[in-house]
Amino acid sequence: RYIVDLIAGHGYITICPDFFKGTDPWKTTDHWADFADWMKAHDPM
């Protein structure tokens, strides 16, 4: 959100959509062993 505000300050309408569509982001308390599965469900492609 800081980055969004920073770019807007340079004169752009700046928007950060929830690309996870309401599903849980990765949390600092999550276990890295589950990361591959999480990535399958959140494909950046």
ModelCIF file with pLDDT and N, C-alpha, C, O atoms, coordinates in Angstrom:
data_MODEL
#
_entry.id   MODEL 
#
_entity.id                         1 
_entity.type                       polymer 
_entity.pdbx_number_of_molecules   1 
#
_entity_poly.entity_id                      1 
_entity_poly.type                           'polypeptide(L)' 
_entity_poly.nstd_linkage                   no 
_entity_poly.nstd_monomer                   no 
_entity_poly.pdbx_seq_one_letter_code       RYIVDLIAGHGYITICPDFFKGTDPWKTTDHWADFADWMKAHDPM 
_entity_poly.pdbx_seq_one_letter_code_can   RYIVDLIAGHGYITICPDFFKGTDPWKTTDHWADFADWMKAHDPM 
_entity_poly.pdbx_strand_id                 A 
#
loop_
_entity_poly_seq.entity_id 
_entity_poly_seq.num 
_entity_poly_seq.mon_id 
_entity_poly_seq.hetero 
1 1  ARG n 
1 2  TYR n 
1 3  ILE n 
1 4  VAL n 
1 5  ASP n 
1 6  LEU n 
1 7  ILE n 
1 8  ALA n 
1 9  GLY n 
1 10 HIS n 
1 11 GLY n 
1 12 TYR n 
1 13 ILE n 
1 14 THR n 
1 15 ILE n 
1 16 CYS n 
1 17 PRO n 
1 18 ASP n 
1 19 PHE n 
1 20 PHE n 
1 21 LYS n 
1 22 GLY n 
1 23 THR n 
1 24 ASP n 
1 25 PRO n 
1 26 TRP n 
1 27 LYS n 
1 28 THR n 
1 29 THR n 
1 30 ASP n 
1 31 HIS n 
1 32 TRP n 
1 33 ALA n 
1 34 ASP n 
1 35 PHE n 
1 36 ALA n 
1 37 ASP n 
1 38 TRP n 
1 39 MET n 
1 40 LYS n 
1 41 ALA n 
1 42 HIS n 
1 43 ASP n 
1 44 PRO n 
1 45 MET n 
#
_struct_asym.id          A 
_struct_asym.entity_id   1 
#
loop_
_ma_qa_metric.id 
_ma_qa_metric.mode 
_ma_qa_metric.name 
_ma_qa_metric.software_group_id 
_ma_qa_metric.type 
1 global pLDDT . pLDDT 
2 local  pLDDT . pLDDT 
#
_ma_qa_metric_global.metric_id      1 
_ma_qa_metric_global.metric_value   93.20 
_ma_qa_metric_global.model_id       1 
_ma_qa_metric_global.ordinal_id     1 
#
loop_
_ma_qa_metric_local.label_asym_id 
_ma_qa_metric_local.label_comp_id 
_ma_qa_metric_local.label_seq_id 
_ma_qa_metric_local.metric_id 
_ma_qa_metric_local.metric_value 
_ma_qa_metric_local.model_id 
_ma_qa_metric_local.ordinal_id 
A ARG 1  2 95.00 1 1  
A TYR 2  2 96.00 1 2  
A ILE 3  2 97.00 1 3  
A VAL 4  2 97.00 1 4  
A ASP 5  2 97.00 1 5  
A LEU 6  2 97.00 1 6  
A ILE 7  2 98.00 1 7  
A ALA 8  2 98.00 1 8  
A GLY 9  2 96.00 1 9  
A HIS 10 2 97.00 1 10 
A GLY 11 2 98.00 1 11 
A TYR 12 2 98.00 1 12 
A ILE 13 2 98.00 1 13 
A THR 14 2 98.00 1 14 
A ILE 15 2 98.00 1 15 
A CYS 16 2 98.00 1 16 
A PRO 17 2 98.00 1 17 
A ASP 18 2 98.00 1 18 
A PHE 19 2 98.00 1 19 
A PHE 20 2 97.00 1 20 
A LYS 21 2 95.00 1 21 
A GLY 22 2 93.00 1 22 
A THR 23 2 92.00 1 23 
A ASP 24 2 91.00 1 24 
A PRO 25 2 94.00 1 25 
A TRP 26 2 91.00 1 26 
A LYS 27 2 86.00 1 27 
A THR 28 2 78.00 1 28 
A THR 29 2 81.00 1 29 
A ASP 30 2 85.00 1 30 
A HIS 31 2 86.00 1 31 
A TRP 32 2 83.00 1 32 
A ALA 33 2 87.00 1 33 
A ASP 34 2 90.00 1 34 
A PHE 35 2 88.00 1 35 
A ALA 36 2 89.00 1 36 
A ASP 37 2 92.00 1 37 
A TRP 38 2 92.00 1 38 
A MET 39 2 91.00 1 39 
A LYS 40 2 92.00 1 40 
A ALA 41 2 94.00 1 41 
A HIS 42 2 95.00 1 42 
A ASP 43 2 94.00 1 43 
A PRO 44 2 95.00 1 44 
A MET 45 2 93.00 1 45 
#
loop_
_atom_site.group_PDB 
_atom_site.id 
_atom_site.type_symbol 
_atom_site.label_atom_id 
_atom_site.label_alt_id 
_atom_site.label_comp_id 
_atom_site.label_asym_id 
_atom_site.label_entity_id 
_atom_site.label_seq_id 
_atom_site.pdbx_PDB_ins_code 
_atom_site.Cartn_x 
_atom_site.Cartn_y 
_atom_site.Cartn_z 
_atom_site.occupancy 
_atom_site.B_iso_or_equiv 
_atom_site.pdbx_formal_charge 
_atom_site.auth_seq_id 
_atom_site.auth_comp_id 
_atom_site.auth_asym_id 
_atom_site.auth_atom_id 
_atom_site.pdbx_PDB_model_num 
ATOM 1   N N  . ARG A 1 1  ? 0.847   -1.208  0.000   1.00 95.00 ? 1  ARG A N  1 
ATOM 2   C CA . ARG A 1 1  ? 0.000   0.000   0.000   1.00 95.00 ? 1  ARG A CA 1 
ATOM 3   C C  . ARG A 1 1  ? 0.879   1.254   0.000   1.00 95.00 ? 1  ARG A C  1 
ATOM 4   O O  . ARG A 1 1  ? 0.536   2.273   -0.599  1.00 95.00 ? 1  ARG A O  1 
ATOM 5   N N  . TYR A 1 2  ? 2.007   1.152   0.678   1.00 96.00 ? 2  TYR A N  1 
ATOM 6   C CA . TYR A 1 2  ? 2.961   2.255   0.667   1.00 96.00 ? 2  TYR A CA 1 
ATOM 7   C C  . TYR A 1 2  ? 3.453   2.513   -0.766  1.00 96.00 ? 2  TYR A C  1 
ATOM 8   O O  . TYR A 1 2  ? 3.563   3.663   -1.191  1.00 96.00 ? 2  TYR A O  1 
ATOM 9   N N  . ILE A 1 3  ? 3.745   1.441   -1.501  1.00 97.00 ? 3  ILE A N  1 
ATOM 10  C CA . ILE A 1 3  ? 4.207   1.559   -2.891  1.00 97.00 ? 3  ILE A CA 1 
ATOM 11  C C  . ILE A 1 3  ? 3.123   2.189   -3.774  1.00 97.00 ? 3  ILE A C  1 
ATOM 12  O O  . ILE A 1 3  ? 3.416   3.037   -4.616  1.00 97.00 ? 3  ILE A O  1 
ATOM 13  N N  . VAL A 1 4  ? 1.869   1.766   -3.574  1.00 97.00 ? 4  VAL A N  1 
ATOM 14  C CA . VAL A 1 4  ? 0.753   2.336   -4.338  1.00 97.00 ? 4  VAL A CA 1 
ATOM 15  C C  . VAL A 1 4  ? 0.697   3.853   -4.118  1.00 97.00 ? 4  VAL A C  1 
ATOM 16  O O  . VAL A 1 4  ? 0.591   4.626   -5.071  1.00 97.00 ? 4  VAL A O  1 
ATOM 17  N N  . ASP A 1 5  ? 0.770   4.260   -2.857  1.00 97.00 ? 5  ASP A N  1 
ATOM 18  C CA . ASP A 1 5  ? 0.717   5.691   -2.524  1.00 97.00 ? 5  ASP A CA 1 
ATOM 19  C C  . ASP A 1 5  ? 1.912   6.443   -3.106  1.00 97.00 ? 5  ASP A C  1 
ATOM 20  O O  . ASP A 1 5  ? 1.781   7.574   -3.574  1.00 97.00 ? 5  ASP A O  1 
ATOM 21  N N  . LEU A 1 6  ? 3.071   5.802   -3.069  1.00 97.00 ? 6  LEU A N  1 
ATOM 22  C CA . LEU A 1 6  ? 4.299   6.391   -3.595  1.00 97.00 ? 6  LEU A CA 1 
ATOM 23  C C  . LEU A 1 6  ? 4.167   6.672   -5.107  1.00 97.00 ? 6  LEU A C  1 
ATOM 24  O O  . LEU A 1 6  ? 4.518   7.756   -5.574  1.00 97.00 ? 6  LEU A O  1 
ATOM 25  N N  . ILE A 1 7  ? 3.665   5.703   -5.851  1.00 98.00 ? 7  ILE A N  1 
ATOM 26  C CA . ILE A 1 7  ? 3.507   5.867   -7.299  1.00 98.00 ? 7  ILE A CA 1 
ATOM 27  C C  . ILE A 1 7  ? 2.435   6.923   -7.599  1.00 98.00 ? 7  ILE A C  1 
ATOM 28  O O  . ILE A 1 7  ? 2.593   7.734   -8.512  1.00 98.00 ? 7  ILE A O  1 
ATOM 29  N N  . ALA A 1 8  ? 1.352   6.907   -6.828  1.00 98.00 ? 8  ALA A N  1 
ATOM 30  C CA . ALA A 1 8  ? 0.289   7.912   -7.007  1.00 98.00 ? 8  ALA A CA 1 
ATOM 31  C C  . ALA A 1 8  ? 0.850   9.320   -6.797  1.00 98.00 ? 8  ALA A C  1 
ATOM 32  O O  . ALA A 1 8  ? 0.441   10.266  -7.470  1.00 98.00 ? 8  ALA A O  1 
ATOM 33  N N  . GLY A 1 9  ? 1.784   9.445   -5.861  1.00 96.00 ? 9  GLY A N  1 
ATOM 34  C CA . GLY A 1 9  ? 2.426   10.728  -5.584  1.00 96.00 ? 9  GLY A CA 1 
ATOM 35  C C  . GLY A 1 9  ? 3.218   11.270  -6.764  1.00 96.00 ? 9  GLY A C  1 
ATOM 36  O O  . GLY A 1 9  ? 3.542   12.456  -6.812  1.00 96.00 ? 9  GLY A O  1 
ATOM 37  N N  . HIS A 1 10 ? 3.530   10.388  -7.724  1.00 97.00 ? 10 HIS A N  1 
ATOM 38  C CA . HIS A 1 10 ? 4.244   10.823  -8.939  1.00 97.00 ? 10 HIS A CA 1 
ATOM 39  C C  . HIS A 1 10 ? 3.275   11.153  -10.073 1.00 97.00 ? 10 HIS A C  1 
ATOM 40  O O  . HIS A 1 10 ? 3.693   11.406  -11.202 1.00 97.00 ? 10 HIS A O  1 
ATOM 41  N N  . GLY A 1 11 ? 1.971   11.149  -9.760  1.00 98.00 ? 11 GLY A N  1 
ATOM 42  C CA . GLY A 1 11 ? 0.990   11.609  -10.742 1.00 98.00 ? 11 GLY A CA 1 
ATOM 43  C C  . GLY A 1 11 ? 0.243   10.533  -11.509 1.00 98.00 ? 11 GLY A C  1 
ATOM 44  O O  . GLY A 1 11 ? -0.179  10.765  -12.641 1.00 98.00 ? 11 GLY A O  1 
ATOM 45  N N  . TYR A 1 12 ? 0.071   9.354   -10.909 1.00 98.00 ? 12 TYR A N  1 
ATOM 46  C CA . TYR A 1 12 ? -0.639  8.255   -11.574 1.00 98.00 ? 12 TYR A CA 1 
ATOM 47  C C  . TYR A 1 12 ? -1.807  7.780   -10.721 1.00 98.00 ? 12 TYR A C  1 
ATOM 48  O O  . TYR A 1 12 ? -1.701  7.692   -9.498  1.00 98.00 ? 12 TYR A O  1 
ATOM 49  N N  . ILE A 1 13 ? -2.929  7.472   -11.381 1.00 98.00 ? 13 ILE A N  1 
ATOM 50  C CA . ILE A 1 13 ? -3.993  6.741   -10.682 1.00 98.00 ? 13 ILE A CA 1 
ATOM 51  C C  . ILE A 1 13 ? -3.396  5.357   -10.435 1.00 98.00 ? 13 ILE A C  1 
ATOM 52  O O  . ILE A 1 13 ? -3.065  4.654   -11.389 1.00 98.00 ? 13 ILE A O  1 
ATOM 53  N N  . THR A 1 14 ? -3.256  4.961   -9.191  1.00 98.00 ? 14 THR A N  1 
ATOM 54  C CA . THR A 1 14 ? -2.544  3.712   -8.895  1.00 98.00 ? 14 THR A CA 1 
ATOM 55  C C  . THR A 1 14 ? -3.480  2.759   -8.157  1.00 98.00 ? 14 THR A C  1 
ATOM 56  O O  . THR A 1 14 ? -4.179  3.146   -7.220  1.00 98.00 ? 14 THR A O  1 
ATOM 57  N N  . ILE A 1 15 ? -3.475  1.514   -8.599  1.00 98.00 ? 15 ILE A N  1 
ATOM 58  C CA . ILE A 1 15 ? -4.437  0.547   -8.066  1.00 98.00 ? 15 ILE A CA 1 
ATOM 59  C C  . ILE A 1 15 ? -3.771  -0.794  -7.784  1.00 98.00 ? 15 ILE A C  1 
ATOM 60  O O  . ILE A 1 15 ? -3.012  -1.302  -8.610  1.00 98.00 ? 15 ILE A O  1 
ATOM 61  N N  . CYS A 1 16 ? -4.054  -1.363  -6.620  1.00 98.00 ? 16 CYS A N  1 
ATOM 62  C CA . CYS A 1 16 ? -3.575  -2.711  -6.293  1.00 98.00 ? 16 CYS A CA 1 
ATOM 63  C C  . CYS A 1 16 ? -4.785  -3.603  -6.055  1.00 98.00 ? 16 CYS A C  1 
ATOM 64  O O  . CYS A 1 16 ? -5.394  -3.554  -4.985  1.00 98.00 ? 16 CYS A O  1 
ATOM 65  N N  . PRO A 1 17 ? -5.140  -4.422  -7.051  1.00 98.00 ? 17 PRO A N  1 
ATOM 66  C CA . PRO A 1 17 ? -6.277  -5.334  -6.892  1.00 98.00 ? 17 PRO A CA 1 
ATOM 67  C C  . PRO A 1 17 ? -5.879  -6.550  -6.052  1.00 98.00 ? 17 PRO A C  1 
ATOM 68  O O  . PRO A 1 17 ? -4.702  -6.895  -5.953  1.00 98.00 ? 17 PRO A O  1 
ATOM 69  N N  . ASP A 1 18 ? -6.880  -7.187  -5.453  1.00 98.00 ? 18 ASP A N  1 
ATOM 70  C CA . ASP A 1 18 ? -6.634  -8.443  -4.738  1.00 98.00 ? 18 ASP A CA 1 
ATOM 71  C C  . ASP A 1 18 ? -6.611  -9.573  -5.763  1.00 98.00 ? 18 ASP A C  1 
ATOM 72  O O  . ASP A 1 18 ? -7.649  -10.140 -6.106  1.00 98.00 ? 18 ASP A O  1 
ATOM 73  N N  . PHE A 1 19 ? -5.417  -9.889  -6.241  1.00 98.00 ? 19 PHE A N  1 
ATOM 74  C CA . PHE A 1 19 ? -5.302  -10.959 -7.237  1.00 98.00 ? 19 PHE A CA 1 
ATOM 75  C C  . PHE A 1 19 ? -5.559  -12.342 -6.645  1.00 98.00 ? 19 PHE A C  1 
ATOM 76  O O  . PHE A 1 19 ? -5.654  -13.325 -7.380  1.00 98.00 ? 19 PHE A O  1 
ATOM 77  N N  . PHE A 1 20 ? -5.671  -12.420 -5.315  1.00 97.00 ? 20 PHE A N  1 
ATOM 78  C CA . PHE A 1 20 ? -6.009  -13.695 -4.670  1.00 97.00 ? 20 PHE A CA 1 
ATOM 79  C C  . PHE A 1 20 ? -7.524  -13.852 -4.500  1.00 97.00 ? 20 PHE A C  1 
ATOM 80  O O  . PHE A 1 20 ? -7.990  -14.846 -3.943  1.00 97.00 ? 20 PHE A O  1 
ATOM 81  N N  . LYS A 1 21 ? -8.277  -12.881 -4.977  1.00 95.00 ? 21 LYS A N  1 
ATOM 82  C CA . LYS A 1 21 ? -9.745  -12.953 -5.040  1.00 95.00 ? 21 LYS A CA 1 
ATOM 83  C C  . LYS A 1 21 ? -10.390 -13.366 -3.711  1.00 95.00 ? 21 LYS A C  1 
ATOM 84  O O  . LYS A 1 21 ? -11.286 -14.210 -3.677  1.00 95.00 ? 21 LYS A O  1 
ATOM 85  N N  . GLY A 1 22 ? -9.924  -12.764 -2.634  1.00 93.00 ? 22 GLY A N  1 
ATOM 86  C CA . GLY A 1 22 ? -10.531 -13.037 -1.329  1.00 93.00 ? 22 GLY A CA 1 
ATOM 87  C C  . GLY A 1 22 ? -10.004 -14.270 -0.617  1.00 93.00 ? 22 GLY A C  1 
ATOM 88  O O  . GLY A 1 22 ? -10.345 -14.502 0.543   1.00 93.00 ? 22 GLY A O  1 
ATOM 89  N N  . THR A 1 23 ? -9.175  -15.069 -1.290  1.00 92.00 ? 23 THR A N  1 
ATOM 90  C CA . THR A 1 23 ? -8.580  -16.231 -0.619  1.00 92.00 ? 23 THR A CA 1 
ATOM 91  C C  . THR A 1 23 ? -7.395  -15.758 0.222   1.00 92.00 ? 23 THR A C  1 
ATOM 92  O O  . THR A 1 23 ? -6.897  -14.649 0.032   1.00 92.00 ? 23 THR A O  1 
ATOM 93  N N  . ASP A 1 24 ? -6.955  -16.591 1.138   1.00 91.00 ? 24 ASP A N  1 
ATOM 94  C CA . ASP A 1 24 ? -5.890  -16.191 2.067   1.00 91.00 ? 24 ASP A CA 1 
ATOM 95  C C  . ASP A 1 24 ? -4.562  -15.991 1.364   1.00 91.00 ? 24 ASP A C  1 
ATOM 96  O O  . ASP A 1 24 ? -4.141  -16.836 0.574   1.00 91.00 ? 24 ASP A O  1 
ATOM 97  N N  . PRO A 1 25 ? -3.893  -14.868 1.651   1.00 94.00 ? 25 PRO A N  1 
ATOM 98  C CA . PRO A 1 25 ? -2.510  -14.728 1.192   1.00 94.00 ? 25 PRO A CA 1 
ATOM 99  C C  . PRO A 1 25 ? -1.617  -15.661 2.013   1.00 94.00 ? 25 PRO A C  1 
ATOM 100 O O  . PRO A 1 25 ? -2.077  -16.298 2.961   1.00 94.00 ? 25 PRO A O  1 
ATOM 101 N N  . TRP A 1 26 ? -0.355  -15.734 1.646   1.00 91.00 ? 26 TRP A N  1 
ATOM 102 C CA . TRP A 1 26 ? 0.614   -16.469 2.454   1.00 91.00 ? 26 TRP A CA 1 
ATOM 103 C C  . TRP A 1 26 ? 0.831   -15.683 3.746   1.00 91.00 ? 26 TRP A C  1 
ATOM 104 O O  . TRP A 1 26 ? 0.959   -14.459 3.722   1.00 91.00 ? 26 TRP A O  1 
ATOM 105 N N  . LYS A 1 27 ? 0.872   -16.394 4.869   1.00 86.00 ? 27 LYS A N  1 
ATOM 106 C CA . LYS A 1 27 ? 1.059   -15.708 6.147   1.00 86.00 ? 27 LYS A CA 1 
ATOM 107 C C  . LYS A 1 27 ? 2.412   -16.071 6.745   1.00 86.00 ? 27 LYS A C  1 
ATOM 108 O O  . LYS A 1 27 ? 2.943   -17.150 6.481   1.00 86.00 ? 27 LYS A O  1 
ATOM 109 N N  . THR A 1 28 ? 2.960   -15.182 7.538   1.00 78.00 ? 28 THR A N  1 
ATOM 110 C CA . THR A 1 28 ? 4.280   -15.415 8.131   1.00 78.00 ? 28 THR A CA 1 
ATOM 111 C C  . THR A 1 28 ? 4.266   -16.626 9.053   1.00 78.00 ? 28 THR A C  1 
ATOM 112 O O  . THR A 1 28 ? 5.312   -17.206 9.346   1.00 78.00 ? 28 THR A O  1 
ATOM 113 N N  . THR A 1 29 ? 3.063   -17.008 9.513   1.00 81.00 ? 29 THR A N  1 
ATOM 114 C CA . THR A 1 29 ? 2.951   -18.171 10.404  1.00 81.00 ? 29 THR A CA 1 
ATOM 115 C C  . THR A 1 29 ? 2.779   -19.482 9.640   1.00 81.00 ? 29 THR A C  1 
ATOM 116 O O  . THR A 1 29 ? 2.817   -20.556 10.240  1.00 81.00 ? 29 THR A O  1 
ATOM 117 N N  . ASP A 1 30 ? 2.590   -19.403 8.318   1.00 85.00 ? 30 ASP A N  1 
ATOM 118 C CA . ASP A 1 30 ? 2.433   -20.617 7.508   1.00 85.00 ? 30 ASP A CA 1 
ATOM 119 C C  . ASP A 1 30 ? 3.764   -21.377 7.418   1.00 85.00 ? 30 ASP A C  1 
ATOM 120 O O  . ASP A 1 30 ? 4.836   -20.806 7.620   1.00 85.00 ? 30 ASP A O  1 
ATOM 121 N N  . HIS A 1 31 ? 3.669   -22.679 7.109   1.00 86.00 ? 31 HIS A N  1 
ATOM 122 C CA . HIS A 1 31 ? 4.879   -23.503 7.038   1.00 86.00 ? 31 HIS A CA 1 
ATOM 123 C C  . HIS A 1 31 ? 5.370   -23.592 5.594   1.00 86.00 ? 31 HIS A C  1 
ATOM 124 O O  . HIS A 1 31 ? 4.597   -23.860 4.673   1.00 86.00 ? 31 HIS A O  1 
ATOM 125 N N  . TRP A 1 32 ? 6.688   -23.360 5.416   1.00 83.00 ? 32 TRP A N  1 
ATOM 126 C CA . TRP A 1 32 ? 7.250   -23.359 4.065   1.00 83.00 ? 32 TRP A CA 1 
ATOM 127 C C  . TRP A 1 32 ? 7.081   -24.697 3.355   1.00 83.00 ? 32 TRP A C  1 
ATOM 128 O O  . TRP A 1 32 ? 7.105   -24.758 2.126   1.00 83.00 ? 32 TRP A O  1 
ATOM 129 N N  . ALA A 1 33 ? 6.910   -25.772 4.130   1.00 87.00 ? 33 ALA A N  1 
ATOM 130 C CA . ALA A 1 33 ? 6.684   -27.091 3.522   1.00 87.00 ? 33 ALA A CA 1 
ATOM 131 C C  . ALA A 1 33 ? 5.401   -27.092 2.680   1.00 87.00 ? 33 ALA A C  1 
ATOM 132 O O  . ALA A 1 33 ? 5.274   -27.877 1.739   1.00 87.00 ? 33 ALA A O  1 
ATOM 133 N N  . ASP A 1 34 ? 4.461   -26.218 3.018   1.00 90.00 ? 34 ASP A N  1 
ATOM 134 C CA . ASP A 1 34 ? 3.182   -26.152 2.294   1.00 90.00 ? 34 ASP A CA 1 
ATOM 135 C C  . ASP A 1 34 ? 3.206   -25.154 1.136   1.00 90.00 ? 34 ASP A C  1 
ATOM 136 O O  . ASP A 1 34 ? 2.208   -24.972 0.439   1.00 90.00 ? 34 ASP A O  1 
ATOM 137 N N  . PHE A 1 35 ? 4.360   -24.510 0.943   1.00 88.00 ? 35 PHE A N  1 
ATOM 138 C CA . PHE A 1 35 ? 4.411   -23.395 -0.008  1.00 88.00 ? 35 PHE A CA 1 
ATOM 139 C C  . PHE A 1 35 ? 4.110   -23.830 -1.448  1.00 88.00 ? 35 PHE A C  1 
ATOM 140 O O  . PHE A 1 35 ? 3.405   -23.128 -2.174  1.00 88.00 ? 35 PHE A O  1 
ATOM 141 N N  . ALA A 1 36 ? 4.638   -24.975 -1.854  1.00 89.00 ? 36 ALA A N  1 
ATOM 142 C CA . ALA A 1 36 ? 4.418   -25.457 -3.231  1.00 89.00 ? 36 ALA A CA 1 
ATOM 143 C C  . ALA A 1 36 ? 2.926   -25.662 -3.507  1.00 89.00 ? 36 ALA A C  1 
ATOM 144 O O  . ALA A 1 36 ? 2.436   -25.315 -4.582  1.00 89.00 ? 36 ALA A O  1 
ATOM 145 N N  . ASP A 1 37 ? 2.216   -26.223 -2.541  1.00 92.00 ? 37 ASP A N  1 
ATOM 146 C CA . ASP A 1 37 ? 0.769   -26.429 -2.696  1.00 92.00 ? 37 ASP A CA 1 
ATOM 147 C C  . ASP A 1 37 ? 0.036   -25.094 -2.754  1.00 92.00 ? 37 ASP A C  1 
ATOM 148 O O  . ASP A 1 37 ? -0.884  -24.907 -3.550  1.00 92.00 ? 37 ASP A O  1 
ATOM 149 N N  . TRP A 1 38 ? 0.459   -24.177 -1.901  1.00 92.00 ? 38 TRP A N  1 
ATOM 150 C CA . TRP A 1 38 ? -0.165  -22.852 -1.882  1.00 92.00 ? 38 TRP A CA 1 
ATOM 151 C C  . TRP A 1 38 ? 0.029   -22.167 -3.243  1.00 92.00 ? 38 TRP A C  1 
ATOM 152 O O  . TRP A 1 38 ? -0.887  -21.540 -3.774  1.00 92.00 ? 38 TRP A O  1 
ATOM 153 N N  . MET A 1 39 ? 1.246   -22.303 -3.794  1.00 91.00 ? 39 MET A N  1 
ATOM 154 C CA . MET A 1 39 ? 1.547   -21.696 -5.094  1.00 91.00 ? 39 MET A CA 1 
ATOM 155 C C  . MET A 1 39 ? 0.695   -22.293 -6.216  1.00 91.00 ? 39 MET A C  1 
ATOM 156 O O  . MET A 1 39 ? 0.293   -21.587 -7.141  1.00 91.00 ? 39 MET A O  1 
ATOM 157 N N  . LYS A 1 40 ? 0.424   -23.603 -6.126  1.00 92.00 ? 40 LYS A N  1 
ATOM 158 C CA . LYS A 1 40 ? -0.426  -24.239 -7.148  1.00 92.00 ? 40 LYS A CA 1 
ATOM 159 C C  . LYS A 1 40 ? -1.806  -23.592 -7.163  1.00 92.00 ? 40 LYS A C  1 
ATOM 160 O O  . LYS A 1 40 ? -2.422  -23.434 -8.217  1.00 92.00 ? 40 LYS A O  1 
ATOM 161 N N  . ALA A 1 41 ? -2.275  -23.225 -5.983  1.00 94.00 ? 41 ALA A N  1 
ATOM 162 C CA . ALA A 1 41 ? -3.600  -22.611 -5.863  1.00 94.00 ? 41 ALA A CA 1 
ATOM 163 C C  . ALA A 1 41 ? -3.565  -21.103 -6.140  1.00 94.00 ? 41 ALA A C  1 
ATOM 164 O O  . ALA A 1 41 ? -4.609  -20.469 -6.294  1.00 94.00 ? 41 ALA A O  1 
ATOM 165 N N  . HIS A 1 42 ? -2.368  -20.544 -6.201  1.00 95.00 ? 42 HIS A N  1 
ATOM 166 C CA . HIS A 1 42 ? -2.210  -19.102 -6.470  1.00 95.00 ? 42 HIS A CA 1 
ATOM 167 C C  . HIS A 1 42 ? -1.176  -18.934 -7.585  1.00 95.00 ? 42 HIS A C  1 
ATOM 168 O O  . HIS A 1 42 ? -0.031  -18.550 -7.343  1.00 95.00 ? 42 HIS A O  1 
ATOM 169 N N  . ASP A 1 43 ? -1.607  -19.229 -8.798  1.00 94.00 ? 43 ASP A N  1 
ATOM 170 C CA . ASP A 1 43 ? -0.671  -19.260 -9.929  1.00 94.00 ? 43 ASP A CA 1 
ATOM 171 C C  . ASP A 1 43 ? -0.508  -17.860 -10.529 1.00 94.00 ? 43 ASP A C  1 
ATOM 172 O O  . ASP A 1 43 ? -1.485  -17.284 -11.009 1.00 94.00 ? 43 ASP A O  1 
ATOM 173 N N  . PRO A 1 44 ? 0.721   -17.300 -10.510 1.00 95.00 ? 44 PRO A N  1 
ATOM 174 C CA . PRO A 1 44 ? 0.908   -15.958 -11.070 1.00 95.00 ? 44 PRO A CA 1 
ATOM 175 C C  . PRO A 1 44 ? 0.743   -15.887 -12.588 1.00 95.00 ? 44 PRO A C  1 
ATOM 176 O O  . PRO A 1 44 ? 0.731   -14.799 -13.165 1.00 95.00 ? 44 PRO A O  1 
ATOM 177 N N  . MET A 1 45 ? 0.615   -17.059 -13.239 1.00 93.00 ? 45 MET A N  1 
ATOM 178 C CA . MET A 1 45 ? 0.357   -17.079 -14.687 1.00 93.00 ? 45 MET A CA 1 
ATOM 179 C C  . MET A 1 45 ? -1.153  -17.051 -14.976 1.00 93.00 ? 45 MET A C  1 
ATOM 180 O O  . MET A 1 45 ? -1.560  -17.063 -16.138 1.00 93.00 ? 45 MET A O  1 
#
